[in-house]
Amino acid sequence: MAETTIVENVVSYVVGHIVEDNDAVTVTPVEQGPSEVLIEVRTAKSDMGRVIGRRGRVARAVRSVAALAGEEEGVETDVEFVD
């Protein structure tokens, strides 16, 4: 599996500072290919709106930061917010 420690840490850090219930945040990498990883983010139901943001702006920003962190590790990343 591709190394995704930086991506996981960055996404956990960013999402953890957005939500109110930090203990409910889980970040799980799912390998999609040899150099492709899907990052699944789960939060408390009450925090999902905060993480997605108006018109998806916050979610888009989290995906952008994750993509940059993925470049550092040589993997393509995508972030999915799971209910």
Protein backbone atom coordinates (compact mmCIF):
# COMPACT_ATOMS: atom_id res chain seq x y z
CA MET A 1 0.00 0.00 0.00
CA ALA A 2 1.17 3.50 -0.78
CA GLU A 3 2.54 5.49 2.15
CA THR A 4 -0.02 8.09 3.21
CA THR A 5 1.07 9.17 6.68
CA ILE A 6 1.49 12.83 5.75
CA VAL A 7 -1.89 12.95 3.99
CA GLU A 8 -3.67 11.31 6.93
CA ASN A 9 -2.04 13.66 9.43
CA VAL A 10 -2.79 16.78 7.38
CA VAL A 11 -6.44 15.86 6.79
CA SER A 12 -6.91 14.87 10.46
CA TYR A 13 -5.38 18.15 11.61
CA VAL A 14 -7.44 20.35 9.29
CA VAL A 15 -10.76 18.57 9.87
CA GLY A 16 -10.07 18.32 13.61
CA HIS A 17 -9.84 22.11 13.82
CA ILE A 18 -13.09 22.62 11.90
CA VAL A 19 -15.39 20.31 13.86
CA GLU A 20 -16.76 20.68 17.38
CA ASP A 21 -16.53 16.95 18.28
CA ASN A 22 -12.88 16.21 17.52
CA ASP A 23 -13.11 12.71 19.05
CA ALA A 24 -15.64 11.63 16.40
CA VAL A 25 -13.27 12.34 13.48
CA THR A 26 -11.81 9.30 11.73
CA VAL A 27 -9.57 9.42 8.66
CA THR A 28 -9.16 6.14 6.79
CA PRO A 29 -7.01 5.59 3.69
CA VAL A 30 -8.38 3.19 1.07
CA GLU A 31 -6.00 2.10 -1.67
CA GLN A 32 -7.46 2.63 -5.15
CA GLY A 33 -4.38 1.65 -7.16
CA PRO A 34 -0.61 1.48 -6.89
CA SER A 35 -0.29 5.24 -6.43
CA GLU A 36 -3.89 6.31 -5.80
CA VAL A 37 -5.51 6.62 -2.39
CA LEU A 38 -9.01 7.60 -1.32
CA ILE A 39 -9.16 9.24 2.10
CA GLU A 40 -12.49 8.60 3.84
CA VAL A 41 -13.37 11.19 6.48
CA ARG A 42 -16.08 10.47 9.02
CA THR A 43 -17.34 13.03 11.53
CA ALA A 44 -20.27 13.37 13.90
CA LYS A 45 -23.49 14.02 11.96
CA SER A 46 -23.76 17.46 13.55
CA ASP A 47 -20.32 18.42 12.18
CA MET A 48 -20.73 17.21 8.59
CA GLY A 49 -22.17 20.56 7.45
CA ARG A 50 -19.18 22.41 8.91
CA VAL A 51 -16.75 20.15 7.08
CA ILE A 52 -18.53 20.49 3.74
CA GLY A 53 -19.19 24.22 4.08
CA ARG A 54 -21.31 26.51 1.97
CA ARG A 55 -21.41 25.30 -1.61
CA GLY A 56 -18.71 22.77 -0.72
CA ARG A 57 -16.00 25.37 -0.28
CA VAL A 58 -14.48 23.86 2.87
CA ALA A 59 -14.57 20.34 1.40
CA ARG A 60 -12.86 21.62 -1.74
CA ALA A 61 -10.16 23.28 0.37
CA VAL A 62 -9.58 20.06 2.34
CA ARG A 63 -9.28 18.13 -0.96
CA SER A 64 -6.75 20.67 -2.26
CA VAL A 65 -4.61 20.44 0.85
CA ALA A 66 -4.79 16.62 0.74
CA ALA A 67 -3.73 16.63 -2.91
CA LEU A 68 -0.69 18.75 -2.07
CA ALA A 69 0.22 16.46 0.81
CA GLY A 70 -0.20 13.49 -1.54
CA GLU A 71 2.24 15.04 -4.01
CA GLU A 72 4.78 15.15 -1.19
CA GLU A 73 4.37 11.37 -0.81
CA GLY A 74 4.05 10.62 -4.52
CA VAL A 75 0.42 9.50 -4.47
CA GLU A 76 -2.76 10.85 -6.01
CA THR A 77 -5.36 11.48 -3.35
CA ASP A 78 -9.05 12.13 -3.23
CA VAL A 79 -11.08 12.87 -0.11
CA GLU A 80 -14.60 11.56 0.46
CA PHE A 81 -16.76 12.71 3.34
CA VAL A 82 -18.82 9.75 4.60
CA ASP A 83 -21.98 9.98 6.70
